[in-house]
Amino acid sequence: MIPILSTFFAAGAAFLVEEGVFCVGIDSLGIERNQQDHATHKLLFENNVWVLEGLRLRMVLEGSYLLVAAPLMLPEREHRLCGRFLWNFPRN
């Protein structure tokens, strides 16, 4: 049985793809949970949407920011780790 939350994430991924989003970030360590077929990841990756997991944004105040995610080129990894930098980016 797939939990309702996982179904929402797959539907949410489809919405992001339709809207042309190229990168999505989430605080948790996984954008999907308990999906046997990993439908959310597959849909995003097949459409070249980058996924940043484990952002830990709890202490970040509401506002506009510039997020830079610099990949660490480590050999023989199925995923890429990245250094993440967040700057306050006030809008005029």
N, C-alpha and C. Protein backbone atom coordinates (compact mmCIF):
# COMPACT_ATOMS: atom_id res chain seq x y z
N MET A 1 0.84 -1.19 0.00
CA MET A 1 0.00 0.00 0.00
C MET A 1 0.88 1.25 0.00
N ILE A 2 0.62 2.18 -0.90
CA ILE A 2 1.36 3.44 -0.97
C ILE A 2 0.62 4.48 -0.15
N PRO A 3 1.29 5.13 0.83
CA PRO A 3 0.62 6.15 1.64
C PRO A 3 0.13 7.32 0.78
N ILE A 4 -0.91 7.98 1.25
CA ILE A 4 -1.49 9.11 0.52
C ILE A 4 -0.44 10.20 0.29
N LEU A 5 0.42 10.43 1.27
CA LEU A 5 1.45 11.46 1.15
C LEU A 5 2.36 11.20 -0.03
N SER A 6 2.74 9.94 -0.26
CA SER A 6 3.59 9.61 -1.40
C SER A 6 2.89 9.88 -2.72
N THR A 7 1.61 9.58 -2.77
CA THR A 7 0.84 9.85 -3.97
C THR A 7 0.82 11.35 -4.25
N PHE A 8 0.69 12.15 -3.19
CA PHE A 8 0.72 13.60 -3.34
C PHE A 8 2.05 14.05 -3.91
N PHE A 9 3.14 13.48 -3.44
CA PHE A 9 4.45 13.88 -3.94
C PHE A 9 4.60 13.58 -5.43
N ALA A 10 4.09 12.43 -5.87
CA ALA A 10 4.15 12.12 -7.29
C ALA A 10 3.32 13.12 -8.09
N ALA A 11 2.13 13.46 -7.58
CA ALA A 11 1.30 14.47 -8.25
C ALA A 11 1.98 15.84 -8.20
N GLY A 12 2.61 16.13 -7.09
CA GLY A 12 3.34 17.40 -6.97
C GLY A 12 4.51 17.48 -7.93
N ALA A 13 5.20 16.37 -8.12
CA ALA A 13 6.31 16.32 -9.07
C ALA A 13 5.80 16.58 -10.49
N ALA A 14 4.67 15.98 -10.84
CA ALA A 14 4.09 16.19 -12.17
C ALA A 14 3.74 17.67 -12.36
N PHE A 15 3.20 18.30 -11.32
CA PHE A 15 2.87 19.72 -11.39
C PHE A 15 4.12 20.56 -11.62
N LEU A 16 5.20 20.27 -10.88
CA LEU A 16 6.45 21.02 -11.03
C LEU A 16 7.00 20.89 -12.45
N VAL A 17 6.94 19.69 -13.00
CA VAL A 17 7.41 19.46 -14.37
C VAL A 17 6.57 20.28 -15.35
N GLU A 18 5.25 20.25 -15.18
CA GLU A 18 4.36 21.01 -16.07
C GLU A 18 4.63 22.51 -16.00
N GLU A 19 5.02 23.00 -14.82
CA GLU A 19 5.29 24.43 -14.63
C GLU A 19 6.69 24.83 -15.08
N GLY A 20 7.51 23.87 -15.48
CA GLY A 20 8.85 24.18 -15.97
C GLY A 20 9.88 24.41 -14.88
N VAL A 21 9.62 23.93 -13.68
CA VAL A 21 10.57 24.09 -12.58
C VAL A 21 11.81 23.26 -12.89
N PHE A 22 13.00 23.81 -12.65
CA PHE A 22 14.24 23.08 -12.96
C PHE A 22 14.97 22.58 -11.72
N CYS A 23 14.54 23.04 -10.52
CA CYS A 23 15.18 22.61 -9.29
C CYS A 23 14.16 22.67 -8.15
N VAL A 24 14.15 21.65 -7.31
CA VAL A 24 13.27 21.62 -6.15
C VAL A 24 14.09 21.22 -4.93
N GLY A 25 13.83 21.88 -3.80
CA GLY A 25 14.55 21.58 -2.58
C GLY A 25 13.60 21.24 -1.46
N ILE A 26 14.09 20.43 -0.52
CA ILE A 26 13.27 19.99 0.61
C ILE A 26 14.15 19.83 1.84
N ASP A 27 13.60 20.11 3.01
CA ASP A 27 14.35 19.98 4.26
C ASP A 27 14.69 18.54 4.61
N SER A 28 13.77 17.64 4.34
CA SER A 28 13.98 16.24 4.75
C SER A 28 15.06 15.57 3.90
N LEU A 29 15.46 14.39 4.32
CA LEU A 29 16.51 13.66 3.62
C LEU A 29 16.02 12.92 2.38
N GLY A 30 14.74 13.01 2.10
CA GLY A 30 14.21 12.37 0.90
C GLY A 30 12.95 13.08 0.43
N ILE A 31 12.84 13.25 -0.87
CA ILE A 31 11.66 13.92 -1.42
C ILE A 31 10.47 12.98 -1.50
N GLU A 32 10.75 11.69 -1.38
CA GLU A 32 9.67 10.71 -1.38
C GLU A 32 9.92 9.72 -0.26
N ARG A 33 8.86 9.13 0.22
CA ARG A 33 8.97 8.11 1.25
C ARG A 33 8.05 6.95 0.90
N ASN A 34 8.55 5.75 1.08
CA ASN A 34 7.76 4.53 0.91
C ASN A 34 7.18 4.35 -0.49
N GLN A 35 7.85 4.84 -1.50
CA GLN A 35 7.42 4.58 -2.87
C GLN A 35 8.32 3.47 -3.41
N GLN A 36 7.75 2.30 -3.60
CA GLN A 36 8.52 1.14 -4.05
C GLN A 36 9.18 1.38 -5.41
N ASP A 37 8.50 2.09 -6.29
CA ASP A 37 9.02 2.29 -7.64
C ASP A 37 9.76 3.62 -7.82
N HIS A 38 9.84 4.42 -6.76
CA HIS A 38 10.53 5.72 -6.79
C HIS A 38 9.99 6.62 -7.90
N ALA A 39 8.66 6.63 -8.05
CA ALA A 39 8.02 7.37 -9.13
C ALA A 39 8.34 8.86 -9.10
N THR A 40 8.41 9.45 -7.90
CA THR A 40 8.68 10.89 -7.80
C THR A 40 10.07 11.22 -8.33
N HIS A 41 11.08 10.49 -7.85
CA HIS A 41 12.45 10.73 -8.33
C HIS A 41 12.55 10.50 -9.84
N LYS A 42 11.99 9.41 -10.31
CA LYS A 42 12.08 9.09 -11.73
C LYS A 42 11.45 10.19 -12.59
N LEU A 43 10.28 10.66 -12.19
CA LEU A 43 9.60 11.70 -12.96
C LEU A 43 10.44 12.98 -13.00
N LEU A 44 10.99 13.36 -11.86
CA LEU A 44 11.81 14.58 -11.81
C LEU A 44 13.09 14.41 -12.62
N PHE A 45 13.80 13.31 -12.43
CA PHE A 45 15.06 13.10 -13.12
C PHE A 45 14.89 12.95 -14.63
N GLU A 46 13.83 12.27 -15.05
CA GLU A 46 13.57 12.11 -16.49
C GLU A 46 13.29 13.44 -17.17
N ASN A 47 12.88 14.43 -16.38
CA ASN A 47 12.58 15.75 -16.92
C ASN A 47 13.64 16.78 -16.53
N ASN A 48 14.84 16.29 -16.15
CA ASN A 48 15.99 17.14 -15.82
C ASN A 48 15.73 18.14 -14.72
N VAL A 49 14.91 17.74 -13.73
CA VAL A 49 14.67 18.59 -12.56
C VAL A 49 15.66 18.16 -11.48
N TRP A 50 16.44 19.10 -10.99
CA TRP A 50 17.41 18.81 -9.94
C TRP A 50 16.68 18.71 -8.61
N VAL A 51 17.14 17.82 -7.75
CA VAL A 51 16.54 17.62 -6.43
C VAL A 51 17.60 17.88 -5.36
N LEU A 52 17.33 18.83 -4.49
CA LEU A 52 18.23 19.13 -3.36
C LEU A 52 17.52 18.68 -2.09
N GLU A 53 18.07 17.67 -1.44
CA GLU A 53 17.46 17.11 -0.23
C GLU A 53 18.30 17.47 0.98
N GLY A 54 17.67 17.52 2.15
CA GLY A 54 18.37 17.79 3.40
C GLY A 54 18.84 19.23 3.53
N LEU A 55 18.05 20.18 3.08
CA LEU A 55 18.48 21.58 3.09
C LEU A 55 18.55 22.20 4.48
N ARG A 56 17.74 21.75 5.42
CA ARG A 56 17.72 22.29 6.79
C ARG A 56 17.49 23.80 6.80
N LEU A 57 16.33 24.19 6.35
CA LEU A 57 16.00 25.61 6.25
C LEU A 57 15.18 26.12 7.44
N ARG A 58 15.05 25.34 8.48
CA ARG A 58 14.22 25.68 9.63
C ARG A 58 14.56 27.05 10.23
N MET A 59 15.82 27.40 10.29
CA MET A 59 16.25 28.64 10.93
C MET A 59 16.32 29.83 9.97
N VAL A 60 15.97 29.63 8.71
CA VAL A 60 16.03 30.70 7.72
C VAL A 60 14.75 31.53 7.79
N LEU A 61 14.91 32.82 7.94
CA LEU A 61 13.76 33.72 8.00
C LEU A 61 13.12 33.87 6.63
N GLU A 62 11.84 34.19 6.60
CA GLU A 62 11.14 34.42 5.34
C GLU A 62 11.78 35.59 4.60
N GLY A 63 11.91 35.45 3.30
CA GLY A 63 12.51 36.51 2.50
C GLY A 63 12.99 35.98 1.16
N SER A 64 13.73 36.81 0.46
CA SER A 64 14.30 36.43 -0.83
C SER A 64 15.77 36.10 -0.64
N TYR A 65 16.19 35.00 -1.24
CA TYR A 65 17.56 34.52 -1.07
C TYR A 65 18.11 34.04 -2.40
N LEU A 66 19.43 34.01 -2.48
CA LEU A 66 20.13 33.38 -3.58
C LEU A 66 20.72 32.09 -3.04
N LEU A 67 20.36 30.97 -3.64
CA LEU A 67 20.88 29.66 -3.24
C LEU A 67 21.85 29.20 -4.30
N VAL A 68 23.06 28.89 -3.88
CA VAL A 68 24.07 28.33 -4.78
C VAL A 68 24.37 26.92 -4.30
N ALA A 69 24.23 25.95 -5.18
CA ALA A 69 24.54 24.55 -4.87
C ALA A 69 25.70 24.12 -5.75
N ALA A 70 26.86 23.96 -5.15
CA ALA A 70 28.07 23.61 -5.88
C ALA A 70 28.35 22.11 -5.73
N PRO A 71 28.26 21.34 -6.83
CA PRO A 71 28.45 19.89 -6.73
C PRO A 71 29.89 19.53 -6.37
N LEU A 72 30.01 18.50 -5.54
CA LEU A 72 31.31 17.94 -5.20
C LEU A 72 31.53 16.74 -6.11
N MET A 73 32.56 16.76 -6.90
CA MET A 73 32.80 15.72 -7.89
C MET A 73 33.53 14.54 -7.24
N LEU A 74 32.76 13.61 -6.70
CA LEU A 74 33.32 12.42 -6.07
C LEU A 74 33.13 11.24 -7.01
N PRO A 75 34.16 10.44 -7.24
CA PRO A 75 34.04 9.33 -8.19
C PRO A 75 33.13 8.21 -7.66
N GLU A 76 32.51 7.51 -8.60
CA GLU A 76 31.74 6.31 -8.34
C GLU A 76 30.65 6.50 -7.28
N ARG A 77 29.87 7.56 -7.43
CA ARG A 77 28.73 7.79 -6.54
C ARG A 77 27.47 7.79 -7.38
N GLU A 78 26.39 7.23 -6.84
CA GLU A 78 25.13 7.24 -7.59
C GLU A 78 24.41 8.57 -7.44
N HIS A 79 24.82 9.36 -6.47
CA HIS A 79 24.25 10.69 -6.29
C HIS A 79 25.40 11.67 -6.06
N ARG A 80 25.13 12.93 -6.19
CA ARG A 80 26.15 13.95 -6.01
C ARG A 80 25.89 14.73 -4.73
N LEU A 81 26.90 14.86 -3.93
CA LEU A 81 26.83 15.74 -2.79
C LEU A 81 27.12 17.14 -3.27
N CYS A 82 26.62 18.14 -2.54
CA CYS A 82 26.94 19.51 -2.94
C CYS A 82 27.05 20.40 -1.72
N GLY A 83 27.91 21.39 -1.86
CA GLY A 83 27.99 22.44 -0.87
C GLY A 83 26.89 23.44 -1.19
N ARG A 84 26.16 23.86 -0.18
CA ARG A 84 25.06 24.80 -0.41
C ARG A 84 25.32 26.09 0.33
N PHE A 85 25.11 27.18 -0.36
CA PHE A 85 25.36 28.50 0.20
C PHE A 85 24.10 29.35 -0.01
N LEU A 86 23.69 30.06 1.03
CA LEU A 86 22.46 30.85 0.96
C LEU A 86 22.77 32.28 1.37
N TRP A 87 22.46 33.23 0.48
CA TRP A 87 22.66 34.64 0.75
C TRP A 87 21.33 35.37 0.71
N ASN A 88 21.18 36.30 1.66
CA ASN A 88 20.01 37.16 1.64
C ASN A 88 20.05 37.99 0.37
N PHE A 89 18.97 38.02 -0.37
CA PHE A 89 18.94 38.67 -1.69
C PHE A 89 17.72 39.61 -1.73
N PRO A 90 17.84 40.80 -1.13
CA PRO A 90 16.67 41.69 -1.05
C PRO A 90 16.24 42.15 -2.44
N ARG A 91 14.94 42.19 -2.63
CA ARG A 91 14.39 42.68 -3.89
C ARG A 91 14.15 44.17 -3.82
N ASN A 92 14.36 44.85 -4.93
CA ASN A 92 14.15 46.32 -4.95
C ASN A 92 12.71 46.65 -5.27
